[in-house]
Amino acid sequence: GLPAFAVTSWGDHRVERHRLEARGASFSARRDVPIVGGVMFRPV
């Protein structure tokens, strides 16, 4: 029941994955990096 999202980071050259965890009435998140690039990778 808890979502996971892909997030693009233009400035850090990566696509992140945020797995959400319950925190009160909202959420916190665990982050990892399924796609990582060099300085010429600018995902939008």
ModelCIF file with pLDDT and N, C-alpha, C, O atoms, coordinates in Angstrom:
data_MODEL
#
_entry.id   MODEL 
#
_entity.id                         1 
_entity.type                       polymer 
_entity.pdbx_number_of_molecules   1 
#
_entity_poly.entity_id                      1 
_entity_poly.type                           'polypeptide(L)' 
_entity_poly.nstd_linkage                   no 
_entity_poly.nstd_monomer                   no 
_entity_poly.pdbx_seq_one_letter_code       GLPAFAVTSWGDHRVERHRLEARGASFSARRDVPIVGGVMFRPV 
_entity_poly.pdbx_seq_one_letter_code_can   GLPAFAVTSWGDHRVERHRLEARGASFSARRDVPIVGGVMFRPV 
_entity_poly.pdbx_strand_id                 A 
#
loop_
_entity_poly_seq.entity_id 
_entity_poly_seq.num 
_entity_poly_seq.mon_id 
_entity_poly_seq.hetero 
1 1  GLY n 
1 2  LEU n 
1 3  PRO n 
1 4  ALA n 
1 5  PHE n 
1 6  ALA n 
1 7  VAL n 
1 8  THR n 
1 9  SER n 
1 10 TRP n 
1 11 GLY n 
1 12 ASP n 
1 13 HIS n 
1 14 ARG n 
1 15 VAL n 
1 16 GLU n 
1 17 ARG n 
1 18 HIS n 
1 19 ARG n 
1 20 LEU n 
1 21 GLU n 
1 22 ALA n 
1 23 ARG n 
1 24 GLY n 
1 25 ALA n 
1 26 SER n 
1 27 PHE n 
1 28 SER n 
1 29 ALA n 
1 30 ARG n 
1 31 ARG n 
1 32 ASP n 
1 33 VAL n 
1 34 PRO n 
1 35 ILE n 
1 36 VAL n 
1 37 GLY n 
1 38 GLY n 
1 39 VAL n 
1 40 MET n 
1 41 PHE n 
1 42 ARG n 
1 43 PRO n 
1 44 VAL n 
#
_struct_asym.id          A 
_struct_asym.entity_id   1 
#
loop_
_ma_qa_metric.id 
_ma_qa_metric.mode 
_ma_qa_metric.name 
_ma_qa_metric.software_group_id 
_ma_qa_metric.type 
1 global pLDDT . pLDDT 
2 local  pLDDT . pLDDT 
#
_ma_qa_metric_global.metric_id      1 
_ma_qa_metric_global.metric_value   96.91 
_ma_qa_metric_global.model_id       1 
_ma_qa_metric_global.ordinal_id     1 
#
loop_
_ma_qa_metric_local.label_asym_id 
_ma_qa_metric_local.label_comp_id 
_ma_qa_metric_local.label_seq_id 
_ma_qa_metric_local.metric_id 
_ma_qa_metric_local.metric_value 
_ma_qa_metric_local.model_id 
_ma_qa_metric_local.ordinal_id 
A GLY 1  2 87.00 1 1  
A LEU 2  2 95.00 1 2  
A PRO 3  2 96.00 1 3  
A ALA 4  2 97.00 1 4  
A PHE 5  2 98.00 1 5  
A ALA 6  2 98.00 1 6  
A VAL 7  2 98.00 1 7  
A THR 8  2 98.00 1 8  
A SER 9  2 98.00 1 9  
A TRP 10 2 97.00 1 10 
A GLY 11 2 95.00 1 11 
A ASP 12 2 96.00 1 12 
A HIS 13 2 97.00 1 13 
A ARG 14 2 98.00 1 14 
A VAL 15 2 98.00 1 15 
A GLU 16 2 98.00 1 16 
A ARG 17 2 98.00 1 17 
A HIS 18 2 98.00 1 18 
A ARG 19 2 98.00 1 19 
A LEU 20 2 98.00 1 20 
A GLU 21 2 97.00 1 21 
A ALA 22 2 96.00 1 22 
A ARG 23 2 96.00 1 23 
A GLY 24 2 95.00 1 24 
A ALA 25 2 94.00 1 25 
A SER 26 2 97.00 1 26 
A PHE 27 2 98.00 1 27 
A SER 28 2 98.00 1 28 
A ALA 29 2 98.00 1 29 
A ARG 30 2 97.00 1 30 
A ARG 31 2 98.00 1 31 
A ASP 32 2 97.00 1 32 
A VAL 33 2 98.00 1 33 
A PRO 34 2 97.00 1 34 
A ILE 35 2 98.00 1 35 
A VAL 36 2 98.00 1 36 
A GLY 37 2 97.00 1 37 
A GLY 38 2 96.00 1 38 
A VAL 39 2 95.00 1 39 
A MET 40 2 96.00 1 40 
A PHE 41 2 98.00 1 41 
A ARG 42 2 98.00 1 42 
A PRO 43 2 98.00 1 43 
A VAL 44 2 98.00 1 44 
#
loop_
_atom_site.group_PDB 
_atom_site.id 
_atom_site.type_symbol 
_atom_site.label_atom_id 
_atom_site.label_alt_id 
_atom_site.label_comp_id 
_atom_site.label_asym_id 
_atom_site.label_entity_id 
_atom_site.label_seq_id 
_atom_site.pdbx_PDB_ins_code 
_atom_site.Cartn_x 
_atom_site.Cartn_y 
_atom_site.Cartn_z 
_atom_site.occupancy 
_atom_site.B_iso_or_equiv 
_atom_site.pdbx_formal_charge 
_atom_site.auth_seq_id 
_atom_site.auth_comp_id 
_atom_site.auth_asym_id 
_atom_site.auth_atom_id 
_atom_site.pdbx_PDB_model_num 
ATOM 1   N N  . GLY A 1 1  ? 0.786  -1.226 0.000   1.00 87.00 ? 1  GLY A N  1 
ATOM 2   C CA . GLY A 1 1  ? 0.000  0.000  0.000   1.00 87.00 ? 1  GLY A CA 1 
ATOM 3   C C  . GLY A 1 1  ? 0.813  1.269  0.000   1.00 87.00 ? 1  GLY A C  1 
ATOM 4   O O  . GLY A 1 1  ? 0.249  2.362  -0.049  1.00 87.00 ? 1  GLY A O  1 
ATOM 5   N N  . LEU A 1 2  ? 2.132  1.153  0.054   1.00 95.00 ? 2  LEU A N  1 
ATOM 6   C CA . LEU A 1 2  ? 3.004  2.331  0.077   1.00 95.00 ? 2  LEU A CA 1 
ATOM 7   C C  . LEU A 1 2  ? 3.675  2.496  -1.274  1.00 95.00 ? 2  LEU A C  1 
ATOM 8   O O  . LEU A 1 2  ? 4.229  1.535  -1.807  1.00 95.00 ? 2  LEU A O  1 
ATOM 9   N N  . PRO A 1 3  ? 3.635  3.698  -1.839  1.00 96.00 ? 3  PRO A N  1 
ATOM 10  C CA . PRO A 1 3  ? 4.134  3.886  -3.205  1.00 96.00 ? 3  PRO A CA 1 
ATOM 11  C C  . PRO A 1 3  ? 5.653  4.006  -3.270  1.00 96.00 ? 3  PRO A C  1 
ATOM 12  O O  . PRO A 1 3  ? 6.319  4.335  -2.288  1.00 96.00 ? 3  PRO A O  1 
ATOM 13  N N  . ALA A 1 4  ? 6.169  3.728  -4.452  1.00 97.00 ? 4  ALA A N  1 
ATOM 14  C CA . ALA A 1 4  ? 7.567  4.005  -4.788  1.00 97.00 ? 4  ALA A CA 1 
ATOM 15  C C  . ALA A 1 4  ? 7.566  4.888  -6.032  1.00 97.00 ? 4  ALA A C  1 
ATOM 16  O O  . ALA A 1 4  ? 6.779  4.672  -6.953  1.00 97.00 ? 4  ALA A O  1 
ATOM 17  N N  . PHE A 1 5  ? 8.451  5.883  -6.054  1.00 98.00 ? 5  PHE A N  1 
ATOM 18  C CA . PHE A 1 5  ? 8.502  6.839  -7.152  1.00 98.00 ? 5  PHE A CA 1 
ATOM 19  C C  . PHE A 1 5  ? 9.910  6.931  -7.724  1.00 98.00 ? 5  PHE A C  1 
ATOM 20  O O  . PHE A 1 5  ? 10.902 6.789  -7.010  1.00 98.00 ? 5  PHE A O  1 
ATOM 21  N N  . ALA A 1 6  ? 9.971  7.172  -9.034  1.00 98.00 ? 6  ALA A N  1 
ATOM 22  C CA . ALA A 1 6  ? 11.214 7.579  -9.680  1.00 98.00 ? 6  ALA A CA 1 
ATOM 23  C C  . ALA A 1 6  ? 11.259 9.098  -9.700  1.00 98.00 ? 6  ALA A C  1 
ATOM 24  O O  . ALA A 1 6  ? 10.258 9.747  -10.002 1.00 98.00 ? 6  ALA A O  1 
ATOM 25  N N  . VAL A 1 7  ? 12.422 9.670  -9.379  1.00 98.00 ? 7  VAL A N  1 
ATOM 26  C CA . VAL A 1 7  ? 12.624 11.115 -9.372  1.00 98.00 ? 7  VAL A CA 1 
ATOM 27  C C  . VAL A 1 7  ? 13.899 11.427 -10.148 1.00 98.00 ? 7  VAL A C  1 
ATOM 28  O O  . VAL A 1 7  ? 14.948 10.841 -9.883  1.00 98.00 ? 7  VAL A O  1 
ATOM 29  N N  . THR A 1 8  ? 13.811 12.348 -11.104 1.00 98.00 ? 8  THR A N  1 
ATOM 30  C CA . THR A 1 8  ? 15.004 12.742 -11.855 1.00 98.00 ? 8  THR A CA 1 
ATOM 31  C C  . THR A 1 8  ? 15.716 13.884 -11.136 1.00 98.00 ? 8  THR A C  1 
ATOM 32  O O  . THR A 1 8  ? 15.071 14.812 -10.648 1.00 98.00 ? 8  THR A O  1 
ATOM 33  N N  . SER A 1 9  ? 17.028 13.816 -11.071 1.00 98.00 ? 9  SER A N  1 
ATOM 34  C CA . SER A 1 9  ? 17.841 14.876 -10.484 1.00 98.00 ? 9  SER A CA 1 
ATOM 35  C C  . SER A 1 9  ? 18.776 15.428 -11.562 1.00 98.00 ? 9  SER A C  1 
ATOM 36  O O  . SER A 1 9  ? 19.807 14.830 -11.868 1.00 98.00 ? 9  SER A O  1 
ATOM 37  N N  . TRP A 1 10 ? 18.407 16.565 -12.128 1.00 97.00 ? 10 TRP A N  1 
ATOM 38  C CA . TRP A 1 10 ? 19.190 17.217 -13.180 1.00 97.00 ? 10 TRP A CA 1 
ATOM 39  C C  . TRP A 1 10 ? 20.583 17.583 -12.683 1.00 97.00 ? 10 TRP A C  1 
ATOM 40  O O  . TRP A 1 10 ? 21.561 17.442 -13.417 1.00 97.00 ? 10 TRP A O  1 
ATOM 41  N N  . GLY A 1 11 ? 20.676 18.050 -11.449 1.00 95.00 ? 11 GLY A N  1 
ATOM 42  C CA . GLY A 1 11 ? 21.943 18.556 -10.944 1.00 95.00 ? 11 GLY A CA 1 
ATOM 43  C C  . GLY A 1 11 ? 22.890 17.497 -10.418 1.00 95.00 ? 11 GLY A C  1 
ATOM 44  O O  . GLY A 1 11 ? 24.097 17.728 -10.363 1.00 95.00 ? 11 GLY A O  1 
ATOM 45  N N  . ASP A 1 12 ? 22.371 16.334 -10.026 1.00 96.00 ? 12 ASP A N  1 
ATOM 46  C CA . ASP A 1 12 ? 23.222 15.271 -9.488  1.00 96.00 ? 12 ASP A CA 1 
ATOM 47  C C  . ASP A 1 12 ? 23.354 14.086 -10.443 1.00 96.00 ? 12 ASP A C  1 
ATOM 48  O O  . ASP A 1 12 ? 23.876 13.038 -10.061 1.00 96.00 ? 12 ASP A O  1 
ATOM 49  N N  . HIS A 1 13 ? 22.883 14.244 -11.691 1.00 97.00 ? 13 HIS A N  1 
ATOM 50  C CA . HIS A 1 13 ? 23.162 13.277 -12.762 1.00 97.00 ? 13 HIS A CA 1 
ATOM 51  C C  . HIS A 1 13 ? 22.633 11.879 -12.443 1.00 97.00 ? 13 HIS A C  1 
ATOM 52  O O  . HIS A 1 13 ? 23.330 10.885 -12.647 1.00 97.00 ? 13 HIS A O  1 
ATOM 53  N N  . ARG A 1 14 ? 21.404 11.807 -11.945 1.00 98.00 ? 14 ARG A N  1 
ATOM 54  C CA . ARG A 1 14 ? 20.899 10.488 -11.557 1.00 98.00 ? 14 ARG A CA 1 
ATOM 55  C C  . ARG A 1 14 ? 19.378 10.459 -11.573 1.00 98.00 ? 14 ARG A C  1 
ATOM 56  O O  . ARG A 1 14 ? 18.713 11.495 -11.563 1.00 98.00 ? 14 ARG A O  1 
ATOM 57  N N  . VAL A 1 15 ? 18.854 9.249  -11.599 1.00 98.00 ? 15 VAL A N  1 
ATOM 58  C CA . VAL A 1 15 ? 17.439 8.995  -11.369 1.00 98.00 ? 15 VAL A CA 1 
ATOM 59  C C  . VAL A 1 15 ? 17.338 8.255  -10.050 1.00 98.00 ? 15 VAL A C  1 
ATOM 60  O O  . VAL A 1 15 ? 17.932 7.190  -9.881  1.00 98.00 ? 15 VAL A O  1 
ATOM 61  N N  . GLU A 1 16 ? 16.595 8.811  -9.126  1.00 98.00 ? 16 GLU A N  1 
ATOM 62  C CA . GLU A 1 16 ? 16.455 8.237  -7.790  1.00 98.00 ? 16 GLU A CA 1 
ATOM 63  C C  . GLU A 1 16 ? 15.166 7.430  -7.684  1.00 98.00 ? 16 GLU A C  1 
ATOM 64  O O  . GLU A 1 16 ? 14.213 7.635  -8.436  1.00 98.00 ? 16 GLU A O  1 
ATOM 65  N N  . ARG A 1 17 ? 15.172 6.508  -6.727  1.00 98.00 ? 17 ARG A N  1 
ATOM 66  C CA . ARG A 1 17 ? 13.941 5.778  -6.378  1.00 98.00 ? 17 ARG A CA 1 
ATOM 67  C C  . ARG A 1 17 ? 13.657 6.049  -4.906  1.00 98.00 ? 17 ARG A C  1 
ATOM 68  O O  . ARG A 1 17 ? 14.515 5.847  -4.047  1.00 98.00 ? 17 ARG A O  1 
ATOM 69  N N  . HIS A 1 18 ? 12.440 6.508  -4.631  1.00 98.00 ? 18 HIS A N  1 
ATOM 70  C CA . HIS A 1 18 ? 12.023 6.816  -3.262  1.00 98.00 ? 18 HIS A CA 1 
ATOM 71  C C  . HIS A 1 18 ? 10.912 5.849  -2.867  1.00 98.00 ? 18 HIS A C  1 
ATOM 72  O O  . HIS A 1 18 ? 9.809  5.894  -3.412  1.00 98.00 ? 18 HIS A O  1 
ATOM 73  N N  . ARG A 1 19 ? 11.216 4.977  -1.915  1.00 98.00 ? 19 ARG A N  1 
ATOM 74  C CA . ARG A 1 19 ? 10.228 4.038  -1.374  1.00 98.00 ? 19 ARG A CA 1 
ATOM 75  C C  . ARG A 1 19 ? 9.661  4.639  -0.094  1.00 98.00 ? 19 ARG A C  1 
ATOM 76  O O  . ARG A 1 19 ? 10.390 4.884  0.867   1.00 98.00 ? 19 ARG A O  1 
ATOM 77  N N  . LEU A 1 20 ? 8.353  4.872  -0.095  1.00 98.00 ? 20 LEU A N  1 
ATOM 78  C CA . LEU A 1 20 ? 7.751  5.574  1.028   1.00 98.00 ? 20 LEU A CA 1 
ATOM 79  C C  . LEU A 1 20 ? 7.447  4.636  2.191   1.00 98.00 ? 20 LEU A C  1 
ATOM 80  O O  . LEU A 1 20 ? 7.138  3.459  2.003   1.00 98.00 ? 20 LEU A O  1 
ATOM 81  N N  . GLU A 1 21 ? 7.545  5.191  3.400   1.00 97.00 ? 21 GLU A N  1 
ATOM 82  C CA . GLU A 1 21 ? 7.227  4.488  4.632   1.00 97.00 ? 21 GLU A CA 1 
ATOM 83  C C  . GLU A 1 21 ? 6.254  5.337  5.433   1.00 97.00 ? 21 GLU A C  1 
ATOM 84  O O  . GLU A 1 21 ? 6.319  6.566  5.385   1.00 97.00 ? 21 GLU A O  1 
ATOM 85  N N  . ALA A 1 22 ? 5.349  4.695  6.171   1.00 96.00 ? 22 ALA A N  1 
ATOM 86  C CA . ALA A 1 22 ? 4.356  5.429  6.956   1.00 96.00 ? 22 ALA A CA 1 
ATOM 87  C C  . ALA A 1 22 ? 5.038  6.227  8.063   1.00 96.00 ? 22 ALA A C  1 
ATOM 88  O O  . ALA A 1 22 ? 5.939  5.732  8.740   1.00 96.00 ? 22 ALA A O  1 
ATOM 89  N N  . ARG A 1 23 ? 4.590  7.474  8.234   1.00 96.00 ? 23 ARG A N  1 
ATOM 90  C CA . ARG A 1 23 ? 5.068  8.331  9.315   1.00 96.00 ? 23 ARG A CA 1 
ATOM 91  C C  . ARG A 1 23 ? 3.905  9.205  9.766   1.00 96.00 ? 23 ARG A C  1 
ATOM 92  O O  . ARG A 1 23 ? 3.637  10.246 9.165   1.00 96.00 ? 23 ARG A O  1 
ATOM 93  N N  . GLY A 1 24 ? 3.219  8.787  10.814  1.00 95.00 ? 24 GLY A N  1 
ATOM 94  C CA . GLY A 1 24 ? 2.044  9.508  11.277  1.00 95.00 ? 24 GLY A CA 1 
ATOM 95  C C  . GLY A 1 24 ? 0.973  9.543  10.208  1.00 95.00 ? 24 GLY A C  1 
ATOM 96  O O  . GLY A 1 24 ? 0.594  8.506  9.662   1.00 95.00 ? 24 GLY A O  1 
ATOM 97  N N  . ALA A 1 25 ? 0.480  10.752 9.906   1.00 94.00 ? 25 ALA A N  1 
ATOM 98  C CA . ALA A 1 25 ? -0.538 10.905 8.872   1.00 94.00 ? 25 ALA A CA 1 
ATOM 99  C C  . ALA A 1 25 ? 0.058  11.029 7.484   1.00 94.00 ? 25 ALA A C  1 
ATOM 100 O O  . ALA A 1 25 ? -0.677 11.148 6.504   1.00 94.00 ? 25 ALA A O  1 
ATOM 101 N N  . SER A 1 26 ? 1.386  11.003 7.385   1.00 97.00 ? 26 SER A N  1 
ATOM 102 C CA . SER A 1 26 ? 2.031  11.152 6.086   1.00 97.00 ? 26 SER A CA 1 
ATOM 103 C C  . SER A 1 26 ? 3.116  10.090 5.920   1.00 97.00 ? 26 SER A C  1 
ATOM 104 O O  . SER A 1 26 ? 2.917  8.934  6.293   1.00 97.00 ? 26 SER A O  1 
ATOM 105 N N  . PHE A 1 27 ? 4.266  10.481 5.359   1.00 98.00 ? 27 PHE A N  1 
ATOM 106 C CA . PHE A 1 27 ? 5.257  9.493  4.967   1.00 98.00 ? 27 PHE A CA 1 
ATOM 107 C C  . PHE A 1 27 ? 6.674  10.016 5.166   1.00 98.00 ? 27 PHE A C  1 
ATOM 108 O O  . PHE A 1 27 ? 6.912  11.224 5.207   1.00 98.00 ? 27 PHE A O  1 
ATOM 109 N N  . SER A 1 28 ? 7.597  9.087  5.287   1.00 98.00 ? 28 SER A N  1 
ATOM 110 C CA . SER A 1 28 ? 9.011  9.346  5.067   1.00 98.00 ? 28 SER A CA 1 
ATOM 111 C C  . SER A 1 28 ? 9.423  8.486  3.884   1.00 98.00 ? 28 SER A C  1 
ATOM 112 O O  . SER A 1 28 ? 8.593  7.764  3.332   1.00 98.00 ? 28 SER A O  1 
ATOM 113 N N  . ALA A 1 29 ? 10.691 8.550  3.482   1.00 98.00 ? 29 ALA A N  1 
ATOM 114 C CA . ALA A 1 29 ? 11.102 7.814  2.287   1.00 98.00 ? 29 ALA A CA 1 
ATOM 115 C C  . ALA A 1 29 ? 12.512 7.258  2.444   1.00 98.00 ? 29 ALA A C  1 
ATOM 116 O O  . ALA A 1 29 ? 13.379 7.877  3.062   1.00 98.00 ? 29 ALA A O  1 
ATOM 117 N N  . ARG A 1 30 ? 12.721 6.071  1.868   1.00 97.00 ? 30 ARG A N  1 
ATOM 118 C CA . ARG A 1 30 ? 14.053 5.492  1.700   1.00 97.00 ? 30 ARG A CA 1 
ATOM 119 C C  . ARG A 1 30 ? 14.475 5.700  0.253   1.00 97.00 ? 30 ARG A C  1 
ATOM 120 O O  . ARG A 1 30 ? 13.726 5.381  -0.670  1.00 97.00 ? 30 ARG A O  1 
ATOM 121 N N  . ARG A 1 31 ? 15.654 6.227  0.060   1.00 98.00 ? 31 ARG A N  1 
ATOM 122 C CA . ARG A 1 31 ? 16.114 6.581  -1.279  1.00 98.00 ? 31 ARG A CA 1 
ATOM 123 C C  . ARG A 1 31 ? 17.267 5.685  -1.709  1.00 98.00 ? 31 ARG A C  1 
ATOM 124 O O  . ARG A 1 31 ? 18.184 5.414  -0.933  1.00 98.00 ? 31 ARG A O  1 
ATOM 125 N N  . ASP A 1 32 ? 17.207 5.226  -2.966  1.00 97.00 ? 32 ASP A N  1 
ATOM 126 C CA . ASP A 1 32 ? 18.366 4.620  -3.595  1.00 97.00 ? 32 ASP A CA 1 
ATOM 127 C C  . ASP A 1 32 ? 18.461 5.151  -5.023  1.00 97.00 ? 32 ASP A C  1 
ATOM 128 O O  . ASP A 1 32 ? 17.624 5.947  -5.450  1.00 97.00 ? 32 ASP A O  1 
ATOM 129 N N  . VAL A 1 33 ? 19.474 4.715  -5.757  1.00 98.00 ? 33 VAL A N  1 
ATOM 130 C CA . VAL A 1 33 ? 19.755 5.304  -7.065  1.00 98.00 ? 33 VAL A CA 1 
ATOM 131 C C  . VAL A 1 33 ? 19.847 4.197  -8.114  1.00 98.00 ? 33 VAL A C  1 
ATOM 132 O O  . VAL A 1 33 ? 20.907 3.590  -8.269  1.00 98.00 ? 33 VAL A O  1 
ATOM 133 N N  . PRO A 1 34 ? 18.753 3.919  -8.841  1.00 97.00 ? 34 PRO A N  1 
ATOM 134 C CA . PRO A 1 34 ? 18.794 2.867  -9.863  1.00 97.00 ? 34 PRO A CA 1 
ATOM 135 C C  . PRO A 1 34 ? 19.496 3.271  -11.152 1.00 97.00 ? 34 PRO A C  1 
ATOM 136 O O  . PRO A 1 34 ? 19.913 2.401  -11.917 1.00 97.00 ? 34 PRO A O  1 
ATOM 137 N N  . ILE A 1 35 ? 19.639 4.583  -11.413 1.00 98.00 ? 35 ILE A N  1 
ATOM 138 C CA . ILE A 1 35 ? 20.354 5.059  -12.606 1.00 98.00 ? 35 ILE A CA 1 
ATOM 139 C C  . ILE A 1 35 ? 21.304 6.172  -12.185 1.00 98.00 ? 35 ILE A C  1 
ATOM 140 O O  . ILE A 1 35 ? 20.885 7.161  -11.583 1.00 98.00 ? 35 ILE A O  1 
ATOM 141 N N  . VAL A 1 36 ? 22.562 6.012  -12.496 1.00 98.00 ? 36 VAL A N  1 
ATOM 142 C CA . VAL A 1 36 ? 23.546 7.036  -12.170 1.00 98.00 ? 36 VAL A CA 1 
ATOM 143 C C  . VAL A 1 36 ? 24.394 7.313  -13.404 1.00 98.00 ? 36 VAL A C  1 
ATOM 144 O O  . VAL A 1 36 ? 24.799 6.388  -14.109 1.00 98.00 ? 36 VAL A O  1 
ATOM 145 N N  . GLY A 1 37 ? 24.659 8.592  -13.660 1.00 97.00 ? 37 GLY A N  1 
ATOM 146 C CA . GLY A 1 37 ? 25.439 8.976  -14.834 1.00 97.00 ? 37 GLY A CA 1 
ATOM 147 C C  . GLY A 1 37 ? 26.570 9.906  -14.477 1.00 97.00 ? 37 GLY A C  1 
ATOM 148 O O  . GLY A 1 37 ? 26.803 10.202 -13.305 1.00 97.00 ? 37 GLY A O  1 
ATOM 149 N N  . GLY A 1 38 ? 27.274 10.366 -15.495 1.00 96.00 ? 38 GLY A N  1 
ATOM 150 C CA . GLY A 1 38 ? 28.354 11.323 -15.320 1.00 96.00 ? 38 GLY A CA 1 
ATOM 151 C C  . GLY A 1 38 ? 27.860 12.738 -15.518 1.00 96.00 ? 38 GLY A C  1 
ATOM 152 O O  . GLY A 1 38 ? 26.657 12.998 -15.509 1.00 96.00 ? 38 GLY A O  1 
ATOM 153 N N  . VAL A 1 39 ? 28.809 13.660 -15.698 1.00 95.00 ? 39 VAL A N  1 
ATOM 154 C CA . VAL A 1 39 ? 28.461 15.074 -15.756 1.00 95.00 ? 39 VAL A CA 1 
ATOM 155 C C  . VAL A 1 39 ? 27.651 15.429 -16.998 1.00 95.00 ? 39 VAL A C  1 
ATOM 156 O O  . VAL A 1 39 ? 27.042 16.498 -17.047 1.00 95.00 ? 39 VAL A O  1 
ATOM 157 N N  . MET A 1 40 ? 27.631 14.561 -17.995 1.00 96.00 ? 40 MET A N  1 
ATOM 158 C CA . MET A 1 40 ? 26.843 14.820 -19.199 1.00 96.00 ? 40 MET A CA 1 
ATOM 159 C C  . MET A 1 40 ? 25.529 14.056 -19.203 1.00 96.00 ? 40 MET A C  1 
ATOM 160 O O  . MET A 1 40 ? 24.939 13.839 -20.262 1.00 96.00 ? 40 MET A O  1 
ATOM 161 N N  . PHE A 1 41 ? 25.062 13.644 -18.018 1.00 98.00 ? 41 PHE A N  1 
ATOM 162 C CA . PHE A 1 41 ? 23.735 13.051 -17.858 1.00 98.00 ? 41 PHE A CA 1 
ATOM 163 C C  . PHE A 1 41 ? 22.915 14.020 -17.026 1.00 98.00 ? 41 PHE A C  1 
ATOM 164 O O  . PHE A 1 41 ? 23.176 14.200 -15.837 1.00 98.00 ? 41 PHE A O  1 
ATOM 165 N N  . ARG A 1 42 ? 21.912 14.652 -17.656 1.00 98.00 ? 42 ARG A N  1 
ATOM 166 C CA . ARG A 1 42 ? 21.091 15.672 -17.012 1.00 98.00 ? 42 ARG A CA 1 
ATOM 167 C C  . ARG A 1 42 ? 19.613 15.321 -17.183 1.00 98.00 ? 42 ARG A C  1 
ATOM 168 O O  . ARG A 1 42 ? 18.926 15.942 -17.994 1.00 98.00 ? 42 ARG A O  1 
ATOM 169 N N  . PRO A 1 43 ? 19.107 14.325 -16.425 1.00 98.00 ? 43 PRO A N  1 
ATOM 170 C CA . PRO A 1 43 ? 17.730 13.874 -16.631 1.00 98.00 ? 43 PRO A CA 1 
ATOM 171 C C  . PRO A 1 43 ? 16.714 14.924 -16.213 1.00 98.00 ? 43 PRO A C  1 
ATOM 172 O O  . PRO A 1 43 ? 16.865 15.584 -15.185 1.00 98.00 ? 43 PRO A O  1 
ATOM 173 N N  . VAL A 1 44 ? 15.670 15.068 -17.033 1.00 98.00 ? 44 VAL A N  1 
ATOM 174 C CA . VAL A 1 44 ? 14.613 16.045 -16.768 1.00 98.00 ? 44 VAL A CA 1 
ATOM 175 C C  . VAL A 1 44 ? 13.268 15.322 -16.644 1.00 98.00 ? 44 VAL A C  1 
ATOM 176 O O  . VAL A 1 44 ? 12.241 15.963 -16.420 1.00 98.00 ? 44 VAL A O  1 
#
